[in-house]
Amino acid sequence: SDYVRAYVRFDTIYTIHTNMNEIMS
């Protein structure tokens, strides 16, 4: 369960980072 939550957090952060890069570009 901890691994799943960590993965979800990482995936969310990565998605936000990717979207921000696209918006900034």
PDBML (XML) file of the C-alpha atoms, coordinates in Angstrom:
<?xml version="1.0" encoding="UTF-8" ?>
<PDBx:datablock datablockName="MODEL"
   xmlns:PDBx="http://pdbml.pdb.org/schema/pdbx-v50.xsd"
   xmlns:xsi="http://www.w3.org/2001/XMLSchema-instance"
   xsi:schemaLocation="http://pdbml.pdb.org/schema/pdbx-v50.xsd pdbx-v50.xsd">
   <PDBx:atom_siteCategory>
      <PDBx:atom_site id="1">
         <PDBx:B_iso_or_equiv>0.00</PDBx:B_iso_or_equiv>
         <PDBx:Cartn_x>0.000</PDBx:Cartn_x>
         <PDBx:Cartn_y>0.000</PDBx:Cartn_y>
         <PDBx:Cartn_z>0.000</PDBx:Cartn_z>
         <PDBx:auth_asym_id>A</PDBx:auth_asym_id>
         <PDBx:auth_atom_id>CA</PDBx:auth_atom_id>
         <PDBx:auth_comp_id>SER</PDBx:auth_comp_id>
         <PDBx:auth_seq_id>1</PDBx:auth_seq_id>
         <PDBx:group_PDB>ATOM</PDBx:group_PDB>
         <PDBx:label_alt_id xsi:nil="true" />
         <PDBx:label_asym_id>A</PDBx:label_asym_id>
         <PDBx:label_atom_id>CA</PDBx:label_atom_id>
         <PDBx:label_comp_id>SER</PDBx:label_comp_id>
         <PDBx:label_entity_id>1</PDBx:label_entity_id>
         <PDBx:label_seq_id>1</PDBx:label_seq_id>
         <PDBx:occupancy>1.00</PDBx:occupancy>
         <PDBx:pdbx_PDB_model_num>1</PDBx:pdbx_PDB_model_num>
         <PDBx:type_symbol>C</PDBx:type_symbol>
      </PDBx:atom_site>
      <PDBx:atom_site id="2">
         <PDBx:B_iso_or_equiv>0.00</PDBx:B_iso_or_equiv>
         <PDBx:Cartn_x>2.892</PDBx:Cartn_x>
         <PDBx:Cartn_y>2.371</PDBx:Cartn_y>
         <PDBx:Cartn_z>0.785</PDBx:Cartn_z>
         <PDBx:auth_asym_id>A</PDBx:auth_asym_id>
         <PDBx:auth_atom_id>CA</PDBx:auth_atom_id>
         <PDBx:auth_comp_id>ASP</PDBx:auth_comp_id>
         <PDBx:auth_seq_id>2</PDBx:auth_seq_id>
         <PDBx:group_PDB>ATOM</PDBx:group_PDB>
         <PDBx:label_alt_id xsi:nil="true" />
         <PDBx:label_asym_id>A</PDBx:label_asym_id>
         <PDBx:label_atom_id>CA</PDBx:label_atom_id>
         <PDBx:label_comp_id>ASP</PDBx:label_comp_id>
         <PDBx:label_entity_id>1</PDBx:label_entity_id>
         <PDBx:label_seq_id>2</PDBx:label_seq_id>
         <PDBx:occupancy>1.00</PDBx:occupancy>
         <PDBx:pdbx_PDB_model_num>1</PDBx:pdbx_PDB_model_num>
         <PDBx:type_symbol>C</PDBx:type_symbol>
      </PDBx:atom_site>
      <PDBx:atom_site id="3">
         <PDBx:B_iso_or_equiv>0.00</PDBx:B_iso_or_equiv>
         <PDBx:Cartn_x>4.483</PDBx:Cartn_x>
         <PDBx:Cartn_y>1.564</PDBx:Cartn_y>
         <PDBx:Cartn_z>-2.547</PDBx:Cartn_z>
         <PDBx:auth_asym_id>A</PDBx:auth_asym_id>
         <PDBx:auth_atom_id>CA</PDBx:auth_atom_id>
         <PDBx:auth_comp_id>TYR</PDBx:auth_comp_id>
         <PDBx:auth_seq_id>3</PDBx:auth_seq_id>
         <PDBx:group_PDB>ATOM</PDBx:group_PDB>
         <PDBx:label_alt_id xsi:nil="true" />
         <PDBx:label_asym_id>A</PDBx:label_asym_id>
         <PDBx:label_atom_id>CA</PDBx:label_atom_id>
         <PDBx:label_comp_id>TYR</PDBx:label_comp_id>
         <PDBx:label_entity_id>1</PDBx:label_entity_id>
         <PDBx:label_seq_id>3</PDBx:label_seq_id>
         <PDBx:occupancy>1.00</PDBx:occupancy>
         <PDBx:pdbx_PDB_model_num>1</PDBx:pdbx_PDB_model_num>
         <PDBx:type_symbol>C</PDBx:type_symbol>
      </PDBx:atom_site>
      <PDBx:atom_site id="4">
         <PDBx:B_iso_or_equiv>0.00</PDBx:B_iso_or_equiv>
         <PDBx:Cartn_x>1.222</PDBx:Cartn_x>
         <PDBx:Cartn_y>2.237</PDBx:Cartn_y>
         <PDBx:Cartn_z>-4.367</PDBx:Cartn_z>
         <PDBx:auth_asym_id>A</PDBx:auth_asym_id>
         <PDBx:auth_atom_id>CA</PDBx:auth_atom_id>
         <PDBx:auth_comp_id>VAL</PDBx:auth_comp_id>
         <PDBx:auth_seq_id>4</PDBx:auth_seq_id>
         <PDBx:group_PDB>ATOM</PDBx:group_PDB>
         <PDBx:label_alt_id xsi:nil="true" />
         <PDBx:label_asym_id>A</PDBx:label_asym_id>
         <PDBx:label_atom_id>CA</PDBx:label_atom_id>
         <PDBx:label_comp_id>VAL</PDBx:label_comp_id>
         <PDBx:label_entity_id>1</PDBx:label_entity_id>
         <PDBx:label_seq_id>4</PDBx:label_seq_id>
         <PDBx:occupancy>1.00</PDBx:occupancy>
         <PDBx:pdbx_PDB_model_num>1</PDBx:pdbx_PDB_model_num>
         <PDBx:type_symbol>C</PDBx:type_symbol>
      </PDBx:atom_site>
      <PDBx:atom_site id="5">
         <PDBx:B_iso_or_equiv>0.00</PDBx:B_iso_or_equiv>
         <PDBx:Cartn_x>0.770</PDBx:Cartn_x>
         <PDBx:Cartn_y>5.590</PDBx:Cartn_y>
         <PDBx:Cartn_z>-2.598</PDBx:Cartn_z>
         <PDBx:auth_asym_id>A</PDBx:auth_asym_id>
         <PDBx:auth_atom_id>CA</PDBx:auth_atom_id>
         <PDBx:auth_comp_id>ARG</PDBx:auth_comp_id>
         <PDBx:auth_seq_id>5</PDBx:auth_seq_id>
         <PDBx:group_PDB>ATOM</PDBx:group_PDB>
         <PDBx:label_alt_id xsi:nil="true" />
         <PDBx:label_asym_id>A</PDBx:label_asym_id>
         <PDBx:label_atom_id>CA</PDBx:label_atom_id>
         <PDBx:label_comp_id>ARG</PDBx:label_comp_id>
         <PDBx:label_entity_id>1</PDBx:label_entity_id>
         <PDBx:label_seq_id>5</PDBx:label_seq_id>
         <PDBx:occupancy>1.00</PDBx:occupancy>
         <PDBx:pdbx_PDB_model_num>1</PDBx:pdbx_PDB_model_num>
         <PDBx:type_symbol>C</PDBx:type_symbol>
      </PDBx:atom_site>
      <PDBx:atom_site id="6">
         <PDBx:B_iso_or_equiv>0.00</PDBx:B_iso_or_equiv>
         <PDBx:Cartn_x>4.386</PDBx:Cartn_x>
         <PDBx:Cartn_y>6.554</PDBx:Cartn_y>
         <PDBx:Cartn_z>-3.364</PDBx:Cartn_z>
         <PDBx:auth_asym_id>A</PDBx:auth_asym_id>
         <PDBx:auth_atom_id>CA</PDBx:auth_atom_id>
         <PDBx:auth_comp_id>ALA</PDBx:auth_comp_id>
         <PDBx:auth_seq_id>6</PDBx:auth_seq_id>
         <PDBx:group_PDB>ATOM</PDBx:group_PDB>
         <PDBx:label_alt_id xsi:nil="true" />
         <PDBx:label_asym_id>A</PDBx:label_asym_id>
         <PDBx:label_atom_id>CA</PDBx:label_atom_id>
         <PDBx:label_comp_id>ALA</PDBx:label_comp_id>
         <PDBx:label_entity_id>1</PDBx:label_entity_id>
         <PDBx:label_seq_id>6</PDBx:label_seq_id>
         <PDBx:occupancy>1.00</PDBx:occupancy>
         <PDBx:pdbx_PDB_model_num>1</PDBx:pdbx_PDB_model_num>
         <PDBx:type_symbol>C</PDBx:type_symbol>
      </PDBx:atom_site>
      <PDBx:atom_site id="7">
         <PDBx:B_iso_or_equiv>0.00</PDBx:B_iso_or_equiv>
         <PDBx:Cartn_x>3.931</PDBx:Cartn_x>
         <PDBx:Cartn_y>5.609</PDBx:Cartn_y>
         <PDBx:Cartn_z>-6.998</PDBx:Cartn_z>
         <PDBx:auth_asym_id>A</PDBx:auth_asym_id>
         <PDBx:auth_atom_id>CA</PDBx:auth_atom_id>
         <PDBx:auth_comp_id>TYR</PDBx:auth_comp_id>
         <PDBx:auth_seq_id>7</PDBx:auth_seq_id>
         <PDBx:group_PDB>ATOM</PDBx:group_PDB>
         <PDBx:label_alt_id xsi:nil="true" />
         <PDBx:label_asym_id>A</PDBx:label_asym_id>
         <PDBx:label_atom_id>CA</PDBx:label_atom_id>
         <PDBx:label_comp_id>TYR</PDBx:label_comp_id>
         <PDBx:label_entity_id>1</PDBx:label_entity_id>
         <PDBx:label_seq_id>7</PDBx:label_seq_id>
         <PDBx:occupancy>1.00</PDBx:occupancy>
         <PDBx:pdbx_PDB_model_num>1</PDBx:pdbx_PDB_model_num>
         <PDBx:type_symbol>C</PDBx:type_symbol>
      </PDBx:atom_site>
      <PDBx:atom_site id="8">
         <PDBx:B_iso_or_equiv>0.00</PDBx:B_iso_or_equiv>
         <PDBx:Cartn_x>0.723</PDBx:Cartn_x>
         <PDBx:Cartn_y>7.623</PDBx:Cartn_y>
         <PDBx:Cartn_z>-7.245</PDBx:Cartn_z>
         <PDBx:auth_asym_id>A</PDBx:auth_asym_id>
         <PDBx:auth_atom_id>CA</PDBx:auth_atom_id>
         <PDBx:auth_comp_id>VAL</PDBx:auth_comp_id>
         <PDBx:auth_seq_id>8</PDBx:auth_seq_id>
         <PDBx:group_PDB>ATOM</PDBx:group_PDB>
         <PDBx:label_alt_id xsi:nil="true" />
         <PDBx:label_asym_id>A</PDBx:label_asym_id>
         <PDBx:label_atom_id>CA</PDBx:label_atom_id>
         <PDBx:label_comp_id>VAL</PDBx:label_comp_id>
         <PDBx:label_entity_id>1</PDBx:label_entity_id>
         <PDBx:label_seq_id>8</PDBx:label_seq_id>
         <PDBx:occupancy>1.00</PDBx:occupancy>
         <PDBx:pdbx_PDB_model_num>1</PDBx:pdbx_PDB_model_num>
         <PDBx:type_symbol>C</PDBx:type_symbol>
      </PDBx:atom_site>
      <PDBx:atom_site id="9">
         <PDBx:B_iso_or_equiv>0.00</PDBx:B_iso_or_equiv>
         <PDBx:Cartn_x>2.462</PDBx:Cartn_x>
         <PDBx:Cartn_y>10.646</PDBx:Cartn_y>
         <PDBx:Cartn_z>-5.723</PDBx:Cartn_z>
         <PDBx:auth_asym_id>A</PDBx:auth_asym_id>
         <PDBx:auth_atom_id>CA</PDBx:auth_atom_id>
         <PDBx:auth_comp_id>ARG</PDBx:auth_comp_id>
         <PDBx:auth_seq_id>9</PDBx:auth_seq_id>
         <PDBx:group_PDB>ATOM</PDBx:group_PDB>
         <PDBx:label_alt_id xsi:nil="true" />
         <PDBx:label_asym_id>A</PDBx:label_asym_id>
         <PDBx:label_atom_id>CA</PDBx:label_atom_id>
         <PDBx:label_comp_id>ARG</PDBx:label_comp_id>
         <PDBx:label_entity_id>1</PDBx:label_entity_id>
         <PDBx:label_seq_id>9</PDBx:label_seq_id>
         <PDBx:occupancy>1.00</PDBx:occupancy>
         <PDBx:pdbx_PDB_model_num>1</PDBx:pdbx_PDB_model_num>
         <PDBx:type_symbol>C</PDBx:type_symbol>
      </PDBx:atom_site>
      <PDBx:atom_site id="10">
         <PDBx:B_iso_or_equiv>0.00</PDBx:B_iso_or_equiv>
         <PDBx:Cartn_x>5.402</PDBx:Cartn_x>
         <PDBx:Cartn_y>10.292</PDBx:Cartn_y>
         <PDBx:Cartn_z>-8.112</PDBx:Cartn_z>
         <PDBx:auth_asym_id>A</PDBx:auth_asym_id>
         <PDBx:auth_atom_id>CA</PDBx:auth_atom_id>
         <PDBx:auth_comp_id>PHE</PDBx:auth_comp_id>
         <PDBx:auth_seq_id>10</PDBx:auth_seq_id>
         <PDBx:group_PDB>ATOM</PDBx:group_PDB>
         <PDBx:label_alt_id xsi:nil="true" />
         <PDBx:label_asym_id>A</PDBx:label_asym_id>
         <PDBx:label_atom_id>CA</PDBx:label_atom_id>
         <PDBx:label_comp_id>PHE</PDBx:label_comp_id>
         <PDBx:label_entity_id>1</PDBx:label_entity_id>
         <PDBx:label_seq_id>10</PDBx:label_seq_id>
         <PDBx:occupancy>1.00</PDBx:occupancy>
         <PDBx:pdbx_PDB_model_num>1</PDBx:pdbx_PDB_model_num>
         <PDBx:type_symbol>C</PDBx:type_symbol>
      </PDBx:atom_site>
      <PDBx:atom_site id="11">
         <PDBx:B_iso_or_equiv>0.00</PDBx:B_iso_or_equiv>
         <PDBx:Cartn_x>3.113</PDBx:Cartn_x>
         <PDBx:Cartn_y>9.866</PDBx:Cartn_y>
         <PDBx:Cartn_z>-11.114</PDBx:Cartn_z>
         <PDBx:auth_asym_id>A</PDBx:auth_asym_id>
         <PDBx:auth_atom_id>CA</PDBx:auth_atom_id>
         <PDBx:auth_comp_id>ASP</PDBx:auth_comp_id>
         <PDBx:auth_seq_id>11</PDBx:auth_seq_id>
         <PDBx:group_PDB>ATOM</PDBx:group_PDB>
         <PDBx:label_alt_id xsi:nil="true" />
         <PDBx:label_asym_id>A</PDBx:label_asym_id>
         <PDBx:label_atom_id>CA</PDBx:label_atom_id>
         <PDBx:label_comp_id>ASP</PDBx:label_comp_id>
         <PDBx:label_entity_id>1</PDBx:label_entity_id>
         <PDBx:label_seq_id>11</PDBx:label_seq_id>
         <PDBx:occupancy>1.00</PDBx:occupancy>
         <PDBx:pdbx_PDB_model_num>1</PDBx:pdbx_PDB_model_num>
         <PDBx:type_symbol>C</PDBx:type_symbol>
      </PDBx:atom_site>
      <PDBx:atom_site id="12">
         <PDBx:B_iso_or_equiv>0.00</PDBx:B_iso_or_equiv>
         <PDBx:Cartn_x>1.088</PDBx:Cartn_x>
         <PDBx:Cartn_y>12.925</PDBx:Cartn_y>
         <PDBx:Cartn_z>-10.086</PDBx:Cartn_z>
         <PDBx:auth_asym_id>A</PDBx:auth_asym_id>
         <PDBx:auth_atom_id>CA</PDBx:auth_atom_id>
         <PDBx:auth_comp_id>THR</PDBx:auth_comp_id>
         <PDBx:auth_seq_id>12</PDBx:auth_seq_id>
         <PDBx:group_PDB>ATOM</PDBx:group_PDB>
         <PDBx:label_alt_id xsi:nil="true" />
         <PDBx:label_asym_id>A</PDBx:label_asym_id>
         <PDBx:label_atom_id>CA</PDBx:label_atom_id>
         <PDBx:label_comp_id>THR</PDBx:label_comp_id>
         <PDBx:label_entity_id>1</PDBx:label_entity_id>
         <PDBx:label_seq_id>12</PDBx:label_seq_id>
         <PDBx:occupancy>1.00</PDBx:occupancy>
         <PDBx:pdbx_PDB_model_num>1</PDBx:pdbx_PDB_model_num>
         <PDBx:type_symbol>C</PDBx:type_symbol>
      </PDBx:atom_site>
      <PDBx:atom_site id="13">
         <PDBx:B_iso_or_equiv>0.00</PDBx:B_iso_or_equiv>
         <PDBx:Cartn_x>4.216</PDBx:Cartn_x>
         <PDBx:Cartn_y>15.044</PDBx:Cartn_y>
         <PDBx:Cartn_z>-9.629</PDBx:Cartn_z>
         <PDBx:auth_asym_id>A</PDBx:auth_asym_id>
         <PDBx:auth_atom_id>CA</PDBx:auth_atom_id>
         <PDBx:auth_comp_id>ILE</PDBx:auth_comp_id>
         <PDBx:auth_seq_id>13</PDBx:auth_seq_id>
         <PDBx:group_PDB>ATOM</PDBx:group_PDB>
         <PDBx:label_alt_id xsi:nil="true" />
         <PDBx:label_asym_id>A</PDBx:label_asym_id>
         <PDBx:label_atom_id>CA</PDBx:label_atom_id>
         <PDBx:label_comp_id>ILE</PDBx:label_comp_id>
         <PDBx:label_entity_id>1</PDBx:label_entity_id>
         <PDBx:label_seq_id>13</PDBx:label_seq_id>
         <PDBx:occupancy>1.00</PDBx:occupancy>
         <PDBx:pdbx_PDB_model_num>1</PDBx:pdbx_PDB_model_num>
         <PDBx:type_symbol>C</PDBx:type_symbol>
      </PDBx:atom_site>
      <PDBx:atom_site id="14">
         <PDBx:B_iso_or_equiv>0.00</PDBx:B_iso_or_equiv>
         <PDBx:Cartn_x>5.619</PDBx:Cartn_x>
         <PDBx:Cartn_y>13.862</PDBx:Cartn_y>
         <PDBx:Cartn_z>-12.967</PDBx:Cartn_z>
         <PDBx:auth_asym_id>A</PDBx:auth_asym_id>
         <PDBx:auth_atom_id>CA</PDBx:auth_atom_id>
         <PDBx:auth_comp_id>TYR</PDBx:auth_comp_id>
         <PDBx:auth_seq_id>14</PDBx:auth_seq_id>
         <PDBx:group_PDB>ATOM</PDBx:group_PDB>
         <PDBx:label_alt_id xsi:nil="true" />
         <PDBx:label_asym_id>A</PDBx:label_asym_id>
         <PDBx:label_atom_id>CA</PDBx:label_atom_id>
         <PDBx:label_comp_id>TYR</PDBx:label_comp_id>
         <PDBx:label_entity_id>1</PDBx:label_entity_id>
         <PDBx:label_seq_id>14</PDBx:label_seq_id>
         <PDBx:occupancy>1.00</PDBx:occupancy>
         <PDBx:pdbx_PDB_model_num>1</PDBx:pdbx_PDB_model_num>
         <PDBx:type_symbol>C</PDBx:type_symbol>
      </PDBx:atom_site>
      <PDBx:atom_site id="15">
         <PDBx:B_iso_or_equiv>0.00</PDBx:B_iso_or_equiv>
         <PDBx:Cartn_x>2.330</PDBx:Cartn_x>
         <PDBx:Cartn_y>14.641</PDBx:Cartn_y>
         <PDBx:Cartn_z>-14.727</PDBx:Cartn_z>
         <PDBx:auth_asym_id>A</PDBx:auth_asym_id>
         <PDBx:auth_atom_id>CA</PDBx:auth_atom_id>
         <PDBx:auth_comp_id>THR</PDBx:auth_comp_id>
         <PDBx:auth_seq_id>15</PDBx:auth_seq_id>
         <PDBx:group_PDB>ATOM</PDBx:group_PDB>
         <PDBx:label_alt_id xsi:nil="true" />
         <PDBx:label_asym_id>A</PDBx:label_asym_id>
         <PDBx:label_atom_id>CA</PDBx:label_atom_id>
         <PDBx:label_comp_id>THR</PDBx:label_comp_id>
         <PDBx:label_entity_id>1</PDBx:label_entity_id>
         <PDBx:label_seq_id>15</PDBx:label_seq_id>
         <PDBx:occupancy>1.00</PDBx:occupancy>
         <PDBx:pdbx_PDB_model_num>1</PDBx:pdbx_PDB_model_num>
         <PDBx:type_symbol>C</PDBx:type_symbol>
      </PDBx:atom_site>
      <PDBx:atom_site id="16">
         <PDBx:B_iso_or_equiv>0.00</PDBx:B_iso_or_equiv>
         <PDBx:Cartn_x>2.195</PDBx:Cartn_x>
         <PDBx:Cartn_y>18.132</PDBx:Cartn_y>
         <PDBx:Cartn_z>-13.207</PDBx:Cartn_z>
         <PDBx:auth_asym_id>A</PDBx:auth_asym_id>
         <PDBx:auth_atom_id>CA</PDBx:auth_atom_id>
         <PDBx:auth_comp_id>ILE</PDBx:auth_comp_id>
         <PDBx:auth_seq_id>16</PDBx:auth_seq_id>
         <PDBx:group_PDB>ATOM</PDBx:group_PDB>
         <PDBx:label_alt_id xsi:nil="true" />
         <PDBx:label_asym_id>A</PDBx:label_asym_id>
         <PDBx:label_atom_id>CA</PDBx:label_atom_id>
         <PDBx:label_comp_id>ILE</PDBx:label_comp_id>
         <PDBx:label_entity_id>1</PDBx:label_entity_id>
         <PDBx:label_seq_id>16</PDBx:label_seq_id>
         <PDBx:occupancy>1.00</PDBx:occupancy>
         <PDBx:pdbx_PDB_model_num>1</PDBx:pdbx_PDB_model_num>
         <PDBx:type_symbol>C</PDBx:type_symbol>
      </PDBx:atom_site>
      <PDBx:atom_site id="17">
         <PDBx:B_iso_or_equiv>0.00</PDBx:B_iso_or_equiv>
         <PDBx:Cartn_x>5.854</PDBx:Cartn_x>
         <PDBx:Cartn_y>18.733</PDBx:Cartn_y>
         <PDBx:Cartn_z>-14.129</PDBx:Cartn_z>
         <PDBx:auth_asym_id>A</PDBx:auth_asym_id>
         <PDBx:auth_atom_id>CA</PDBx:auth_atom_id>
         <PDBx:auth_comp_id>HIS</PDBx:auth_comp_id>
         <PDBx:auth_seq_id>17</PDBx:auth_seq_id>
         <PDBx:group_PDB>ATOM</PDBx:group_PDB>
         <PDBx:label_alt_id xsi:nil="true" />
         <PDBx:label_asym_id>A</PDBx:label_asym_id>
         <PDBx:label_atom_id>CA</PDBx:label_atom_id>
         <PDBx:label_comp_id>HIS</PDBx:label_comp_id>
         <PDBx:label_entity_id>1</PDBx:label_entity_id>
         <PDBx:label_seq_id>17</PDBx:label_seq_id>
         <PDBx:occupancy>1.00</PDBx:occupancy>
         <PDBx:pdbx_PDB_model_num>1</PDBx:pdbx_PDB_model_num>
         <PDBx:type_symbol>C</PDBx:type_symbol>
      </PDBx:atom_site>
      <PDBx:atom_site id="18">
         <PDBx:B_iso_or_equiv>0.00</PDBx:B_iso_or_equiv>
         <PDBx:Cartn_x>5.266</PDBx:Cartn_x>
         <PDBx:Cartn_y>17.571</PDBx:Cartn_y>
         <PDBx:Cartn_z>-17.710</PDBx:Cartn_z>
         <PDBx:auth_asym_id>A</PDBx:auth_asym_id>
         <PDBx:auth_atom_id>CA</PDBx:auth_atom_id>
         <PDBx:auth_comp_id>THR</PDBx:auth_comp_id>
         <PDBx:auth_seq_id>18</PDBx:auth_seq_id>
         <PDBx:group_PDB>ATOM</PDBx:group_PDB>
         <PDBx:label_alt_id xsi:nil="true" />
         <PDBx:label_asym_id>A</PDBx:label_asym_id>
         <PDBx:label_atom_id>CA</PDBx:label_atom_id>
         <PDBx:label_comp_id>THR</PDBx:label_comp_id>
         <PDBx:label_entity_id>1</PDBx:label_entity_id>
         <PDBx:label_seq_id>18</PDBx:label_seq_id>
         <PDBx:occupancy>1.00</PDBx:occupancy>
         <PDBx:pdbx_PDB_model_num>1</PDBx:pdbx_PDB_model_num>
         <PDBx:type_symbol>C</PDBx:type_symbol>
      </PDBx:atom_site>
      <PDBx:atom_site id="19">
         <PDBx:B_iso_or_equiv>0.00</PDBx:B_iso_or_equiv>
         <PDBx:Cartn_x>2.153</PDBx:Cartn_x>
         <PDBx:Cartn_y>19.728</PDBx:Cartn_y>
         <PDBx:Cartn_z>-18.081</PDBx:Cartn_z>
         <PDBx:auth_asym_id>A</PDBx:auth_asym_id>
         <PDBx:auth_atom_id>CA</PDBx:auth_atom_id>
         <PDBx:auth_comp_id>ASN</PDBx:auth_comp_id>
         <PDBx:auth_seq_id>19</PDBx:auth_seq_id>
         <PDBx:group_PDB>ATOM</PDBx:group_PDB>
         <PDBx:label_alt_id xsi:nil="true" />
         <PDBx:label_asym_id>A</PDBx:label_asym_id>
         <PDBx:label_atom_id>CA</PDBx:label_atom_id>
         <PDBx:label_comp_id>ASN</PDBx:label_comp_id>
         <PDBx:label_entity_id>1</PDBx:label_entity_id>
         <PDBx:label_seq_id>19</PDBx:label_seq_id>
         <PDBx:occupancy>1.00</PDBx:occupancy>
         <PDBx:pdbx_PDB_model_num>1</PDBx:pdbx_PDB_model_num>
         <PDBx:type_symbol>C</PDBx:type_symbol>
      </PDBx:atom_site>
      <PDBx:atom_site id="20">
         <PDBx:B_iso_or_equiv>0.00</PDBx:B_iso_or_equiv>
         <PDBx:Cartn_x>3.975</PDBx:Cartn_x>
         <PDBx:Cartn_y>22.752</PDBx:Cartn_y>
         <PDBx:Cartn_z>-16.649</PDBx:Cartn_z>
         <PDBx:auth_asym_id>A</PDBx:auth_asym_id>
         <PDBx:auth_atom_id>CA</PDBx:auth_atom_id>
         <PDBx:auth_comp_id>MET</PDBx:auth_comp_id>
         <PDBx:auth_seq_id>20</PDBx:auth_seq_id>
         <PDBx:group_PDB>ATOM</PDBx:group_PDB>
         <PDBx:label_alt_id xsi:nil="true" />
         <PDBx:label_asym_id>A</PDBx:label_asym_id>
         <PDBx:label_atom_id>CA</PDBx:label_atom_id>
         <PDBx:label_comp_id>MET</PDBx:label_comp_id>
         <PDBx:label_entity_id>1</PDBx:label_entity_id>
         <PDBx:label_seq_id>20</PDBx:label_seq_id>
         <PDBx:occupancy>1.00</PDBx:occupancy>
         <PDBx:pdbx_PDB_model_num>1</PDBx:pdbx_PDB_model_num>
         <PDBx:type_symbol>C</PDBx:type_symbol>
      </PDBx:atom_site>
      <PDBx:atom_site id="21">
         <PDBx:B_iso_or_equiv>0.00</PDBx:B_iso_or_equiv>
         <PDBx:Cartn_x>6.827</PDBx:Cartn_x>
         <PDBx:Cartn_y>22.247</PDBx:Cartn_y>
         <PDBx:Cartn_z>-19.124</PDBx:Cartn_z>
         <PDBx:auth_asym_id>A</PDBx:auth_asym_id>
         <PDBx:auth_atom_id>CA</PDBx:auth_atom_id>
         <PDBx:auth_comp_id>ASN</PDBx:auth_comp_id>
         <PDBx:auth_seq_id>21</PDBx:auth_seq_id>
         <PDBx:group_PDB>ATOM</PDBx:group_PDB>
         <PDBx:label_alt_id xsi:nil="true" />
         <PDBx:label_asym_id>A</PDBx:label_asym_id>
         <PDBx:label_atom_id>CA</PDBx:label_atom_id>
         <PDBx:label_comp_id>ASN</PDBx:label_comp_id>
         <PDBx:label_entity_id>1</PDBx:label_entity_id>
         <PDBx:label_seq_id>21</PDBx:label_seq_id>
         <PDBx:occupancy>1.00</PDBx:occupancy>
         <PDBx:pdbx_PDB_model_num>1</PDBx:pdbx_PDB_model_num>
         <PDBx:type_symbol>C</PDBx:type_symbol>
      </PDBx:atom_site>
      <PDBx:atom_site id="22">
         <PDBx:B_iso_or_equiv>0.00</PDBx:B_iso_or_equiv>
         <PDBx:Cartn_x>4.341</PDBx:Cartn_x>
         <PDBx:Cartn_y>22.060</PDBx:Cartn_y>
         <PDBx:Cartn_z>-21.991</PDBx:Cartn_z>
         <PDBx:auth_asym_id>A</PDBx:auth_asym_id>
         <PDBx:auth_atom_id>CA</PDBx:auth_atom_id>
         <PDBx:auth_comp_id>GLU</PDBx:auth_comp_id>
         <PDBx:auth_seq_id>22</PDBx:auth_seq_id>
         <PDBx:group_PDB>ATOM</PDBx:group_PDB>
         <PDBx:label_alt_id xsi:nil="true" />
         <PDBx:label_asym_id>A</PDBx:label_asym_id>
         <PDBx:label_atom_id>CA</PDBx:label_atom_id>
         <PDBx:label_comp_id>GLU</PDBx:label_comp_id>
         <PDBx:label_entity_id>1</PDBx:label_entity_id>
         <PDBx:label_seq_id>22</PDBx:label_seq_id>
         <PDBx:occupancy>1.00</PDBx:occupancy>
         <PDBx:pdbx_PDB_model_num>1</PDBx:pdbx_PDB_model_num>
         <PDBx:type_symbol>C</PDBx:type_symbol>
      </PDBx:atom_site>
      <PDBx:atom_site id="23">
         <PDBx:B_iso_or_equiv>0.00</PDBx:B_iso_or_equiv>
         <PDBx:Cartn_x>2.552</PDBx:Cartn_x>
         <PDBx:Cartn_y>25.189</PDBx:Cartn_y>
         <PDBx:Cartn_z>-20.769</PDBx:Cartn_z>
         <PDBx:auth_asym_id>A</PDBx:auth_asym_id>
         <PDBx:auth_atom_id>CA</PDBx:auth_atom_id>
         <PDBx:auth_comp_id>ILE</PDBx:auth_comp_id>
         <PDBx:auth_seq_id>23</PDBx:auth_seq_id>
         <PDBx:group_PDB>ATOM</PDBx:group_PDB>
         <PDBx:label_alt_id xsi:nil="true" />
         <PDBx:label_asym_id>A</PDBx:label_asym_id>
         <PDBx:label_atom_id>CA</PDBx:label_atom_id>
         <PDBx:label_comp_id>ILE</PDBx:label_comp_id>
         <PDBx:label_entity_id>1</PDBx:label_entity_id>
         <PDBx:label_seq_id>23</PDBx:label_seq_id>
         <PDBx:occupancy>1.00</PDBx:occupancy>
         <PDBx:pdbx_PDB_model_num>1</PDBx:pdbx_PDB_model_num>
         <PDBx:type_symbol>C</PDBx:type_symbol>
      </PDBx:atom_site>
      <PDBx:atom_site id="24">
         <PDBx:B_iso_or_equiv>0.00</PDBx:B_iso_or_equiv>
         <PDBx:Cartn_x>5.831</PDBx:Cartn_x>
         <PDBx:Cartn_y>27.081</PDBx:Cartn_y>
         <PDBx:Cartn_z>-20.327</PDBx:Cartn_z>
         <PDBx:auth_asym_id>A</PDBx:auth_asym_id>
         <PDBx:auth_atom_id>CA</PDBx:auth_atom_id>
         <PDBx:auth_comp_id>MET</PDBx:auth_comp_id>
         <PDBx:auth_seq_id>24</PDBx:auth_seq_id>
         <PDBx:group_PDB>ATOM</PDBx:group_PDB>
         <PDBx:label_alt_id xsi:nil="true" />
         <PDBx:label_asym_id>A</PDBx:label_asym_id>
         <PDBx:label_atom_id>CA</PDBx:label_atom_id>
         <PDBx:label_comp_id>MET</PDBx:label_comp_id>
         <PDBx:label_entity_id>1</PDBx:label_entity_id>
         <PDBx:label_seq_id>24</PDBx:label_seq_id>
         <PDBx:occupancy>1.00</PDBx:occupancy>
         <PDBx:pdbx_PDB_model_num>1</PDBx:pdbx_PDB_model_num>
         <PDBx:type_symbol>C</PDBx:type_symbol>
      </PDBx:atom_site>
      <PDBx:atom_site id="25">
         <PDBx:B_iso_or_equiv>0.00</PDBx:B_iso_or_equiv>
         <PDBx:Cartn_x>7.056</PDBx:Cartn_x>
         <PDBx:Cartn_y>25.963</PDBx:Cartn_y>
         <PDBx:Cartn_z>-23.760</PDBx:Cartn_z>
         <PDBx:auth_asym_id>A</PDBx:auth_asym_id>
         <PDBx:auth_atom_id>CA</PDBx:auth_atom_id>
         <PDBx:auth_comp_id>SER</PDBx:auth_comp_id>
         <PDBx:auth_seq_id>25</PDBx:auth_seq_id>
         <PDBx:group_PDB>ATOM</PDBx:group_PDB>
         <PDBx:label_alt_id xsi:nil="true" />
         <PDBx:label_asym_id>A</PDBx:label_asym_id>
         <PDBx:label_atom_id>CA</PDBx:label_atom_id>
         <PDBx:label_comp_id>SER</PDBx:label_comp_id>
         <PDBx:label_entity_id>1</PDBx:label_entity_id>
         <PDBx:label_seq_id>25</PDBx:label_seq_id>
         <PDBx:occupancy>1.00</PDBx:occupancy>
         <PDBx:pdbx_PDB_model_num>1</PDBx:pdbx_PDB_model_num>
         <PDBx:type_symbol>C</PDBx:type_symbol>
      </PDBx:atom_site>
   </PDBx:atom_siteCategory>
</PDBx:datablock>
